């Protein structure tokens, strides 16, 4: 992971928002990741790479070749706002898309690992 990508990740987590110029930079950084290097580092790194690649493709499609400005918010940071402030903030946008990881899209793990994870 590049230093810039780490910085963007920390910003998203701590601040809870990435403005459109930063989202553009995030897409650039995600595009520099090497899948073969991730695979050499292990299955977990490969999963992170593939999730980053999917995020990049989604953001690029939403940006529509720069014709749309896309900001990202962390759901937790929005939930911490009072309702009036949240409505004012989100009222600035024409479209709001909420995404969350889907377990249905994750590769099936062996039965021993899935049974141990379901009990915790």
C-alpha atoms as a PDB file:
ATOM      1  CA  UNK A   1       0.000   0.000   0.000  1.00  0.00           C
ATOM      2  CA  UNK A   2       1.362   3.406  -0.926  1.00  0.00           C
ATOM      3  CA  UNK A   3       1.849   6.162   1.632  1.00  0.00           C
ATOM      4  CA  UNK A   4      -0.763   8.253  -0.189  1.00  0.00           C
ATOM      5  CA  UNK A   5      -3.310   5.440  -0.078  1.00  0.00           C
ATOM      6  CA  UNK A   6      -2.682   4.983   3.648  1.00  0.00           C
ATOM      7  CA  UNK A   7      -3.180   8.720   4.183  1.00  0.00           C
ATOM      8  CA  UNK A   8      -6.452   8.673   2.236  1.00  0.00           C
ATOM      9  CA  UNK A   9      -7.672   5.675   4.236  1.00  0.00           C
ATOM     10  CA  UNK A  10      -6.863   7.388   7.515  1.00  0.00           C
ATOM     11  CA  UNK A  11      -8.599  10.586   6.328  1.00  0.00           C
ATOM     12  CA  UNK A  12     -11.733   8.658   5.429  1.00  0.00           C
ATOM     13  CA  UNK A  13     -11.762   6.938   8.798  1.00  0.00           C
ATOM     14  CA  UNK A  14     -10.913   9.954  10.974  1.00  0.00           C
ATOM     15  CA  UNK A  15     -12.653  12.762   9.097  1.00  0.00           C
ATOM     16  CA  UNK A  16     -15.415  10.607   7.635  1.00  0.00           C
ATOM     17  CA  UNK A  17     -15.418  12.345   4.274  1.00  0.00           C
ATOM     18  CA  UNK A  18     -13.446  12.513   1.045  1.00  0.00           C
ATOM     19  CA  UNK A  19     -14.208  15.423  -1.281  1.00  0.00           C
ATOM     20  CA  UNK A  20     -14.352  14.882  -5.040  1.00  0.00           C
ATOM     21  CA  UNK A  21     -10.731  15.867  -5.705  1.00  0.00           C
ATOM     22  CA  UNK A  22      -9.587  13.430  -3.036  1.00  0.00           C
ATOM     23  CA  UNK A  23     -11.858  10.715  -4.450  1.00  0.00           C
ATOM     24  CA  UNK A  24     -10.172  11.288  -7.811  1.00  0.00           C
ATOM     25  CA  UNK A  25      -6.773  10.865  -6.126  1.00  0.00           C
ATOM     26  CA  UNK A  26      -8.040   7.706  -4.418  1.00  0.00           C
ATOM     27  CA  UNK A  27      -8.969   6.250  -7.814  1.00  0.00           C
ATOM     28  CA  UNK A  28      -5.507   7.071  -9.147  1.00  0.00           C
ATOM     29  CA  UNK A  29      -3.834   5.394  -6.176  1.00  0.00           C
ATOM     30  CA  UNK A  30      -6.043   2.308  -6.345  1.00  0.00           C
ATOM     31  CA  UNK A  31      -5.092   2.018 -10.013  1.00  0.00           C
ATOM     32  CA  UNK A  32      -1.424   1.670  -9.112  1.00  0.00           C
ATOM     33  CA  UNK A  33      -1.901  -1.444  -6.977  1.00  0.00           C
ATOM     34  CA  UNK A  34      -0.402  -4.612  -8.425  1.00  0.00           C
ATOM     35  CA  UNK A  35      -2.575  -7.728  -8.161  1.00  0.00           C
ATOM     36  CA  UNK A  36       0.348 -10.128  -8.596  1.00  0.00           C
ATOM     37  CA  UNK A  37       2.201  -8.510  -5.670  1.00  0.00           C
ATOM     38  CA  UNK A  38      -0.947  -8.722  -3.561  1.00  0.00           C
ATOM     39  CA  UNK A  39      -1.305 -12.407  -4.439  1.00  0.00           C
ATOM     40  CA  UNK A  40       2.281 -13.063  -3.364  1.00  0.00           C
ATOM     41  CA  UNK A  41       1.527 -11.425  -0.007  1.00  0.00           C
ATOM     42  CA  UNK A  42      -1.332 -13.818   0.672  1.00  0.00           C
ATOM     43  CA  UNK A  43      -5.045 -14.395   0.290  1.00  0.00           C
ATOM     44  CA  UNK A  44      -6.060 -11.571   2.617  1.00  0.00           C
ATOM     45  CA  UNK A  45      -4.016  -9.032   0.644  1.00  0.00           C
ATOM     46  CA  UNK A  46      -5.499 -10.339  -2.585  1.00  0.00           C
ATOM     47  CA  UNK A  47      -9.015  -9.835  -1.192  1.00  0.00           C
ATOM     48  CA  UNK A  48      -8.125  -6.249  -0.211  1.00  0.00           C
ATOM     49  CA  UNK A  49      -6.712  -5.631  -3.678  1.00  0.00           C
ATOM     50  CA  UNK A  50      -9.828  -6.972  -5.373  1.00  0.00           C
ATOM     51  CA  UNK A  51     -12.099  -4.912  -3.115  1.00  0.00           C
ATOM     52  CA  UNK A  52     -10.029  -1.808  -3.889  1.00  0.00           C
ATOM     53  CA  UNK A  53     -10.220  -2.543  -7.615  1.00  0.00           C
ATOM     54  CA  UNK A  54     -14.012  -2.918  -7.385  1.00  0.00           C
ATOM     55  CA  UNK A  55     -14.266   0.371  -5.469  1.00  0.00           C
ATOM     56  CA  UNK A  56     -12.142   2.089  -8.105  1.00  0.00           C
ATOM     57  CA  UNK A  57     -14.292   0.790 -10.974  1.00  0.00           C
ATOM     58  CA  UNK A  58     -17.459   1.880  -9.162  1.00  0.00           C
ATOM     59  CA  UNK A  59     -16.151   5.357  -8.386  1.00  0.00           C
ATOM     60  CA  UNK A  60     -14.898   5.849 -11.924  1.00  0.00           C
ATOM     61  CA  UNK A  61     -18.282   4.835 -13.328  1.00  0.00           C
ATOM     62  CA  UNK A  62     -20.043   7.234 -10.948  1.00  0.00           C
ATOM     63  CA  UNK A  63     -17.666  10.053 -11.942  1.00  0.00           C
ATOM     64  CA  UNK A  64     -18.579   9.456 -15.594  1.00  0.00           C
ATOM     65  CA  UNK A  65     -15.212  10.617 -16.990  1.00  0.00           C
ATOM     66  CA  UNK A  66     -15.140  13.674 -14.747  1.00  0.00           C
ATOM     67  CA  UNK A  67     -18.638  14.844 -15.679  1.00  0.00           C
ATOM     68  CA  UNK A  68     -19.893  14.203 -12.141  1.00  0.00           C
ATOM     69  CA  UNK A  69     -18.324  15.172  -8.840  1.00  0.00           C
ATOM     70  CA  UNK A  70     -18.364  12.335  -6.321  1.00  0.00           C
ATOM     71  CA  UNK A  71     -17.807  12.760  -2.586  1.00  0.00           C
ATOM     72  CA  UNK A  72     -17.578   9.882  -0.132  1.00  0.00           C
ATOM     73  CA  UNK A  73     -18.836   9.809   3.447  1.00  0.00           C
ATOM     74  CA  UNK A  74     -18.324   7.237   6.139  1.00  0.00           C
ATOM     75  CA  UNK A  75     -21.743   6.195   7.380  1.00  0.00           C
ATOM     76  CA  UNK A  76     -20.691   6.398  11.030  1.00  0.00           C
ATOM     77  CA  UNK A  77     -19.670  10.034  10.658  1.00  0.00           C
ATOM     78  CA  UNK A  78     -23.083  10.898   9.208  1.00  0.00           C
ATOM     79  CA  UNK A  79     -24.874   9.055  11.996  1.00  0.00           C
ATOM     80  CA  UNK A  80     -22.990  11.149  14.563  1.00  0.00           C
ATOM     81  CA  UNK A  81     -24.467  14.381  13.181  1.00  0.00           C
ATOM     82  CA  UNK A  82     -27.716  15.753  14.507  1.00  0.00           C
ATOM     83  CA  UNK A  83     -30.574  15.284  12.047  1.00  0.00           C
ATOM     84  CA  UNK A  84     -30.797  18.978  11.026  1.00  0.00           C
ATOM     85  CA  UNK A  85     -27.074  19.166  10.197  1.00  0.00           C
ATOM     86  CA  UNK A  86     -27.182  15.823   8.363  1.00  0.00           C
ATOM     87  CA  UNK A  87     -30.183  16.935   6.266  1.00  0.00           C
ATOM     88  CA  UNK A  88     -28.458  20.231   5.403  1.00  0.00           C
ATOM     89  CA  UNK A  89     -25.265  18.431   4.391  1.00  0.00           C
ATOM     90  CA  UNK A  90     -26.954  15.736   2.319  1.00  0.00           C
ATOM     91  CA  UNK A  91     -29.332  18.282   0.773  1.00  0.00           C
ATOM     92  CA  UNK A  92     -26.398  19.563  -1.293  1.00  0.00           C
ATOM     93  CA  UNK A  93     -26.349  16.385  -3.371  1.00  0.00           C
ATOM     94  CA  UNK A  94     -28.543  15.355  -6.281  1.00  0.00           C
ATOM     95  CA  UNK A  95     -27.952  11.688  -5.683  1.00  0.00           C
ATOM     96  CA  UNK A  96     -26.915   9.666  -2.656  1.00  0.00           C
ATOM     97  CA  UNK A  97     -25.744   6.096  -3.003  1.00  0.00           C
ATOM     98  CA  UNK A  98     -25.258   3.995   0.115  1.00  0.00           C
ATOM     99  CA  UNK A  99     -23.052   0.940  -0.171  1.00  0.00           C
ATOM    100  CA  UNK A 100     -22.043  -1.735   2.273  1.00  0.00           C
ATOM    101  CA  UNK A 101     -19.975  -4.903   1.941  1.00  0.00           C
ATOM    102  CA  UNK A 102     -21.983  -7.924   0.935  1.00  0.00           C
ATOM    103  CA  UNK A 103     -21.126 -11.329   2.338  1.00  0.00           C
ATOM    104  CA  UNK A 104     -22.977 -12.867  -0.610  1.00  0.00           C
ATOM    105  CA  UNK A 105     -20.166 -11.746  -2.911  1.00  0.00           C
ATOM    106  CA  UNK A 106     -17.380 -13.171  -0.749  1.00  0.00           C
ATOM    107  CA  UNK A 107     -15.787 -16.453  -1.827  1.00  0.00           C
ATOM    108  CA  UNK A 108     -16.975 -19.417   0.195  1.00  0.00           C
ATOM    109  CA  UNK A 109     -14.515 -20.500   2.857  1.00  0.00           C
ATOM    110  CA  UNK A 110     -13.949 -24.077   3.891  1.00  0.00           C
ATOM    111  CA  UNK A 111     -16.599 -25.506   6.203  1.00  0.00           C
ATOM    112  CA  UNK A 112     -14.235 -25.543   9.193  1.00  0.00           C
ATOM    113  CA  UNK A 113     -13.454 -21.816   8.926  1.00  0.00           C
ATOM    114  CA  UNK A 114     -17.069 -20.831   8.293  1.00  0.00           C
ATOM    115  CA  UNK A 115     -18.345 -22.815  11.255  1.00  0.00           C
ATOM    116  CA  UNK A 116     -15.772 -21.256  13.558  1.00  0.00           C
ATOM    117  CA  UNK A 117     -16.568 -17.744  12.345  1.00  0.00           C
ATOM    118  CA  UNK A 118     -20.306 -18.215  12.770  1.00  0.00           C
ATOM    119  CA  UNK A 119     -19.936 -19.173  16.412  1.00  0.00           C
ATOM    120  CA  UNK A 120     -18.099 -15.979  17.360  1.00  0.00           C
END
